[in-house]
C-alpha atoms as a PDB file:
ATOM      1  CA  MET A   1      55.017 -14.398   5.456  1.00  0.00           C
ATOM      2  CA  LYS A   2      56.204 -15.738   2.096  1.00  0.00           C
ATOM      3  CA  LYS A   3      53.695 -18.835   2.195  1.00  0.00           C
ATOM      4  CA  LYS A   4      50.609 -16.238   2.565  1.00  0.00           C
ATOM      5  CA  LYS A   5      51.760 -13.947  -0.206  1.00  0.00           C
ATOM      6  CA  ARG A   6      52.134 -17.063  -2.728  1.00  0.00           C
ATOM      7  CA  LEU A   7      49.019 -18.385  -1.677  1.00  0.00           C
ATOM      8  CA  TYR A   8      47.170 -14.841  -2.337  1.00  0.00           C
ATOM      9  CA  LEU A   9      49.101 -14.510  -5.687  1.00  0.00           C
ATOM     10  CA  THR A  10      48.021 -18.020  -6.717  1.00  0.00           C
ATOM     11  CA  GLY A  11      44.243 -17.580  -5.692  1.00  0.00           C
ATOM     12  CA  SER A  12      44.442 -14.192  -7.641  1.00  0.00           C
ATOM     13  CA  ILE A  13      46.211 -15.714 -10.819  1.00  0.00           C
ATOM     14  CA  CYS A  14      43.425 -18.663 -10.615  1.00  0.00           C
ATOM     15  CA  ALA A  15      40.607 -15.915 -10.318  1.00  0.00           C
ATOM     16  CA  VAL A  16      41.770 -14.009 -13.203  1.00  0.00           C
ATOM     17  CA  LEU A  17      41.877 -17.147 -15.527  1.00  0.00           C
ATOM     18  CA  VAL A  18      38.505 -18.374 -14.463  1.00  0.00           C
ATOM     19  CA  LEU A  19      36.872 -14.767 -15.436  1.00  0.00           C
ATOM     20  CA  LEU A  20      38.766 -14.738 -18.694  1.00  0.00           C
ATOM     21  CA  CYS A  21      37.653 -18.576 -19.463  1.00  0.00           C
ATOM     22  CA  GLY A  22      34.129 -17.409 -18.777  1.00  0.00           C
ATOM     23  CA  ILE A  23      34.243 -14.216 -21.059  1.00  0.00           C
ATOM     24  CA  ILE A  24      35.668 -16.608 -23.812  1.00  0.00           C
ATOM     25  CA  ALA A  25      33.056 -19.039 -23.431  1.00  0.00           C
ATOM     26  CA  TYR A  26      30.347 -16.371 -23.161  1.00  0.00           C
ATOM     27  CA  ALA A  27      31.361 -14.506 -26.256  1.00  0.00           C
ATOM     28  CA  GLY A  28      31.199 -17.562 -28.534  1.00  0.00           C
ATOM     29  CA  ASP A  29      32.731 -16.600 -31.870  1.00  0.00           C
ATOM     30  CA  TYR A  30      35.088 -13.097 -31.829  1.00  0.00           C
ATOM     31  CA  ASP A  31      32.216 -11.228 -33.944  1.00  0.00           C
ATOM     32  CA  THR A  32      29.849 -11.284 -30.733  1.00  0.00           C
ATOM     33  CA  PRO A  33      30.675  -8.086 -28.745  1.00  0.00           C
ATOM     34  CA  VAL A  34      31.145  -9.125 -25.011  1.00  0.00           C
ATOM     35  CA  VAL A  35      28.165  -7.701 -23.032  1.00  0.00           C
ATOM     36  CA  PRO A  36      29.177  -8.125 -19.198  1.00  0.00           C
ATOM     37  CA  ILE A  37      26.034  -9.126 -17.409  1.00  0.00           C
ATOM     38  CA  HIS A  38      25.149  -7.852 -13.942  1.00  0.00           C
ATOM     39  CA  THR A  39      23.737  -9.801 -11.005  1.00  0.00           C
ATOM     40  CA  VAL A  40      22.841  -7.013  -8.483  1.00  0.00           C
ATOM     41  CA  HIS A  41      20.065  -4.726  -9.958  1.00  0.00           C
ATOM     42  CA  SER A  42      19.921  -0.913  -9.421  1.00  0.00           C
ATOM     43  CA  TRP A  43      16.479   0.135  -8.971  1.00  0.00           C
ATOM     44  CA  ARG A  44      15.293   3.189  -9.987  1.00  0.00           C
ATOM     45  CA  LEU A  45      11.306   4.588  -8.980  1.00  0.00           C
ATOM     46  CA  VAL A  46       9.261   4.794 -12.313  1.00  0.00           C
ATOM     47  CA  SER A  47       6.211   5.502 -10.727  1.00  0.00           C
ATOM     48  CA  LYS A  48       4.172   4.974  -7.444  1.00  0.00           C
ATOM     49  CA  THR A  49       0.510   4.925  -6.358  1.00  0.00           C
ATOM     50  CA  GLU A  50      -0.624   5.848  -3.015  1.00  0.00           C
ATOM     51  CA  PRO A  51      -2.661   3.357  -0.629  1.00  0.00           C
ATOM     52  CA  THR A  52      -6.354   4.089  -1.021  1.00  0.00           C
ATOM     53  CA  CYS A  53      -9.170   2.859   1.262  1.00  0.00           C
ATOM     54  CA  THR A  54      -9.150  -0.713   0.396  1.00  0.00           C
ATOM     55  CA  SER A  55      -5.623  -1.351  -1.341  1.00  0.00           C
ATOM     56  CA  VAL A  56      -2.192  -0.780  -0.487  1.00  0.00           C
ATOM     57  CA  GLY A  57       0.308   1.140  -2.346  1.00  0.00           C
ATOM     58  CA  LYS A  58       2.680   0.203  -4.803  1.00  0.00           C
ATOM     59  CA  LYS A  59       6.091   1.161  -6.297  1.00  0.00           C
ATOM     60  CA  TYR A  60       6.885   0.436  -9.733  1.00  0.00           C
ATOM     61  CA  LYS A  61      10.809   0.255 -10.367  1.00  0.00           C
ATOM     62  CA  GLU A  62      13.128  -0.756 -13.226  1.00  0.00           C
ATOM     63  CA  CYS A  63      17.010  -1.425 -13.423  1.00  0.00           C
ATOM     64  CA  ARG A  64      19.009   1.678 -14.028  1.00  0.00           C
ATOM     65  CA  VAL A  65      21.382  -0.535 -16.304  1.00  0.00           C
ATOM     66  CA  SER A  66      20.691   0.208 -19.623  1.00  0.00           C
ATOM     67  CA  THR A  67      20.909  -3.624 -21.096  1.00  0.00           C
ATOM     68  CA  CYS A  68      18.723  -4.796 -18.535  1.00  0.00           C
ATOM     69  CA  ASN A  69      14.688  -4.878 -18.996  1.00  0.00           C
ATOM     70  CA  ALA A  70      14.307  -5.957 -15.138  1.00  0.00           C
ATOM     71  CA  THR A  71      11.280  -4.469 -13.681  1.00  0.00           C
ATOM     72  CA  LEU A  72       9.806  -4.754  -9.889  1.00  0.00           C
ATOM     73  CA  GLU A  73       6.582  -4.119  -8.291  1.00  0.00           C
ATOM     74  CA  GLU A  74       6.680  -3.353  -4.664  1.00  0.00           C
ATOM     75  CA  GLU A  75       3.728  -3.077  -2.318  1.00  0.00           C
ATOM     76  CA  TYR A  76       3.718  -0.766   0.494  1.00  0.00           C
ATOM     77  CA  GLY A  77       1.607   0.502   3.473  1.00  0.00           C
ATOM     78  CA  GLU A  78      -1.614  -0.870   4.292  1.00  0.00           C
ATOM     79  CA  PRO A  79      -5.082  -0.036   3.138  1.00  0.00           C
ATOM     80  CA  LEU A  80      -6.431   3.438   4.772  1.00  0.00           C
ATOM     81  CA  GLY A  81      -9.837   2.361   5.324  1.00  0.00           C
ATOM     82  CA  HIS A  82     -13.048   4.292   4.920  1.00  0.00           C
ATOM     83  CA  MET A  83     -14.535   7.533   6.263  1.00  0.00           C
ATOM     84  CA  TYR A  84     -18.130   7.631   5.885  1.00  0.00           C
ATOM     85  CA  ASN A  85     -20.562  10.681   6.040  1.00  0.00           C
ATOM     86  CA  CYS A  86     -24.385  10.326   5.877  1.00  0.00           C
ATOM     87  CA  THR A  87     -25.895  11.046   2.505  1.00  0.00           C
ATOM     88  CA  PHE A  88     -29.445  11.735   4.261  1.00  0.00           C
ATOM     89  CA  GLU A  89     -31.049   8.906   2.270  1.00  0.00           C
ATOM     90  CA  HIS A  90     -32.961   6.282   4.341  1.00  0.00           C
ATOM     91  CA  ASN A  91     -34.759   3.292   3.542  1.00  0.00           C
ATOM     92  CA  GLU A  92     -36.078   0.445   5.156  1.00  0.00           C
ATOM     93  CA  ASN A  93     -32.484  -1.148   5.693  1.00  0.00           C
ATOM     94  CA  GLY A  94     -31.094   2.156   7.761  1.00  0.00           C
ATOM     95  CA  ILE A  95     -29.251   4.828   6.681  1.00  0.00           C
ATOM     96  CA  GLU A  96     -26.676   5.414   3.799  1.00  0.00           C
ATOM     97  CA  LEU A  97     -23.363   6.371   4.159  1.00  0.00           C
ATOM     98  CA  LYS A  98     -20.827   7.353   1.615  1.00  0.00           C
ATOM     99  CA  CYS A  99     -17.045   7.357   1.806  1.00  0.00           C
ATOM    100  CA  LYS A 100     -15.878  10.926   1.233  1.00  0.00           C
ATOM    101  CA  TYR A 101     -12.565   9.634  -0.002  1.00  0.00           C
ATOM    102  CA  CYS A 102     -13.657   6.730  -2.800  1.00  0.00           C
ATOM    103  CA  GLU A 103     -17.551   7.369  -2.918  1.00  0.00           C
ATOM    104  CA  ASP A 104     -18.096   3.890  -1.391  1.00  0.00           C
ATOM    105  CA  THR A 105     -21.434   3.424  -0.228  1.00  0.00           C
ATOM    106  CA  VAL A 106     -22.777   1.133   2.466  1.00  0.00           C
ATOM    107  CA  VAL A 107     -26.310   1.023   4.382  1.00  0.00           C
ATOM    108  CA  LYS A 108     -26.154   0.493   8.165  1.00  0.00           C
ATOM    109  CA  SER A 109     -29.291  -0.081  10.480  1.00  0.00           C
ATOM    110  CA  THR A 110     -30.021   2.542  12.821  1.00  0.00           C
ATOM    111  CA  ASP A 111     -29.746  -0.266  15.705  1.00  0.00           C
ATOM    112  CA  ASP A 112     -26.182  -1.043  14.531  1.00  0.00           C
ATOM    113  CA  LEU A 113     -24.981   2.272  14.411  1.00  0.00           C
ATOM    114  CA  LEU A 114     -26.718   3.123  17.805  1.00  0.00           C
ATOM    115  CA  GLY A 115     -24.770   0.228  19.192  1.00  0.00           C
ATOM    116  CA  TYR A 116     -21.387   1.829  18.081  1.00  0.00           C
ATOM    117  CA  PHE A 117     -22.029   4.872  19.952  1.00  0.00           C
ATOM    118  CA  ASN A 118     -20.715   4.919  23.818  1.00  0.00           C
ATOM    119  CA  ALA A 119     -19.672   7.484  26.096  1.00  0.00           C
ATOM    120  CA  GLN A 120     -15.517   6.903  25.064  1.00  0.00           C
ATOM    121  CA  ARG A 121     -16.596   8.017  21.714  1.00  0.00           C
ATOM    122  CA  ILE A 122     -18.175  11.235  22.330  1.00  0.00           C
ATOM    123  CA  ASN A 123     -16.088  14.357  21.065  1.00  0.00           C
ATOM    124  CA  GLN A 124     -13.388  12.020  19.250  1.00  0.00           C
ATOM    125  CA  GLU A 125     -12.284  12.007  15.806  1.00  0.00           C
ATOM    126  CA  PRO A 126     -13.255   9.172  13.940  1.00  0.00           C
ATOM    127  CA  VAL A 127     -10.726   6.652  12.850  1.00  0.00           C
ATOM    128  CA  ARG A 128      -9.715   5.933   9.041  1.00  0.00           C
ATOM    129  CA  SER A 129      -9.910   2.189   9.206  1.00  0.00           C
ATOM    130  CA  LEU A 130     -11.195  -0.884   7.731  1.00  0.00           C
ATOM    131  CA  THR A 131     -12.086  -2.263  11.109  1.00  0.00           C
ATOM    132  CA  ASP A 132     -13.102   0.554  13.350  1.00  0.00           C
ATOM    133  CA  GLU A 133     -16.574   1.401  13.647  1.00  0.00           C
ATOM    134  CA  THR A 134     -16.138   5.120  14.498  1.00  0.00           C
ATOM    135  CA  SER A 135     -15.739   5.689  10.471  1.00  0.00           C
ATOM    136  CA  TYR A 136     -19.543   5.457  10.490  1.00  0.00           C
ATOM    137  CA  LEU A 137     -20.386   7.597  13.531  1.00  0.00           C
ATOM    138  CA  ASP A 138     -19.281  11.137  12.114  1.00  0.00           C
ATOM    139  CA  LEU A 139     -22.480  11.366  10.375  1.00  0.00           C
ATOM    140  CA  ASN A 140     -22.417  15.303   9.716  1.00  0.00           C
ATOM    141  CA  GLY A 141     -18.906  15.154   8.313  1.00  0.00           C
ATOM    142  CA  ASP A 142     -17.501  17.599  10.911  1.00  0.00           C
ATOM    143  CA  ASN A 143     -14.560  15.423  11.658  1.00  0.00           C
ATOM    144  CA  THR A 144     -15.842  14.756  15.607  1.00  0.00           C
ATOM    145  CA  ILE A 145     -18.302  12.256  16.901  1.00  0.00           C
ATOM    146  CA  ASN A 146     -20.958  14.285  18.852  1.00  0.00           C
ATOM    147  CA  ALA A 147     -24.536  15.034  19.747  1.00  0.00           C
ATOM    148  CA  LYS A 148     -24.992  16.174  16.390  1.00  0.00           C
ATOM    149  CA  ASP A 149     -24.537  12.767  14.913  1.00  0.00           C
ATOM    150  CA  TYR A 150     -26.238  11.290  17.698  1.00  0.00           C
ATOM    151  CA  SER A 151     -29.279  13.427  16.884  1.00  0.00           C
ATOM    152  CA  ILE A 152     -29.294  12.467  13.170  1.00  0.00           C
ATOM    153  CA  LEU A 153     -29.183   8.945  14.172  1.00  0.00           C
ATOM    154  CA  ILE A 154     -32.163   9.444  16.303  1.00  0.00           C
ATOM    155  CA  LYS A 155     -34.113  11.484  13.725  1.00  0.00           C
ATOM    156  CA  ALA A 156     -33.432   8.603  11.206  1.00  0.00           C
ATOM    157  CA  LYS A 157     -34.460   6.200  13.673  1.00  0.00           C
ATOM    158  CA  SER A 158     -37.885   7.530  14.233  1.00  0.00           C
ATOM    159  CA  ASN A 159     -38.399   7.965  10.524  1.00  0.00           C
ATOM    160  CA  LEU A 160     -37.775   4.734  10.115  1.00  0.00           C
ATOM    161  CA  ASP A 161     -39.939   3.163  12.735  1.00  0.00           C
END
């Protein structure tokens, strides 16, 4: 038991001496104030941007220690994807669709849109996604893929033919 206490005491004294020597070496001369250097940041959220149709969200943080100027930018979430509605503008290339969140516009051919329709998608809510075609199918903007959307598509196809 005495050996453990002696080792613990010796180790503690060595640790204190190393710490004191490091502070003295860091301070250089005695006129320079000793500012402890922290190695672990404590982050504070400064601002945050939400994910959009095409980009991830971001959190901007800074260290809470007043003498530290460290900043951090973290990405979070996934891009949400578009949700298109028909603008009722038709041209030789197809139907113009506009995202109701970001105003992005695309033109899809009526044949492509008809190819996206199937029995499983009728009376379903469209999915806001970068990869799911259902975001193109709610042409009238009532948040349901239904016969109204199909009739808009058929009418546009007959106008283009």
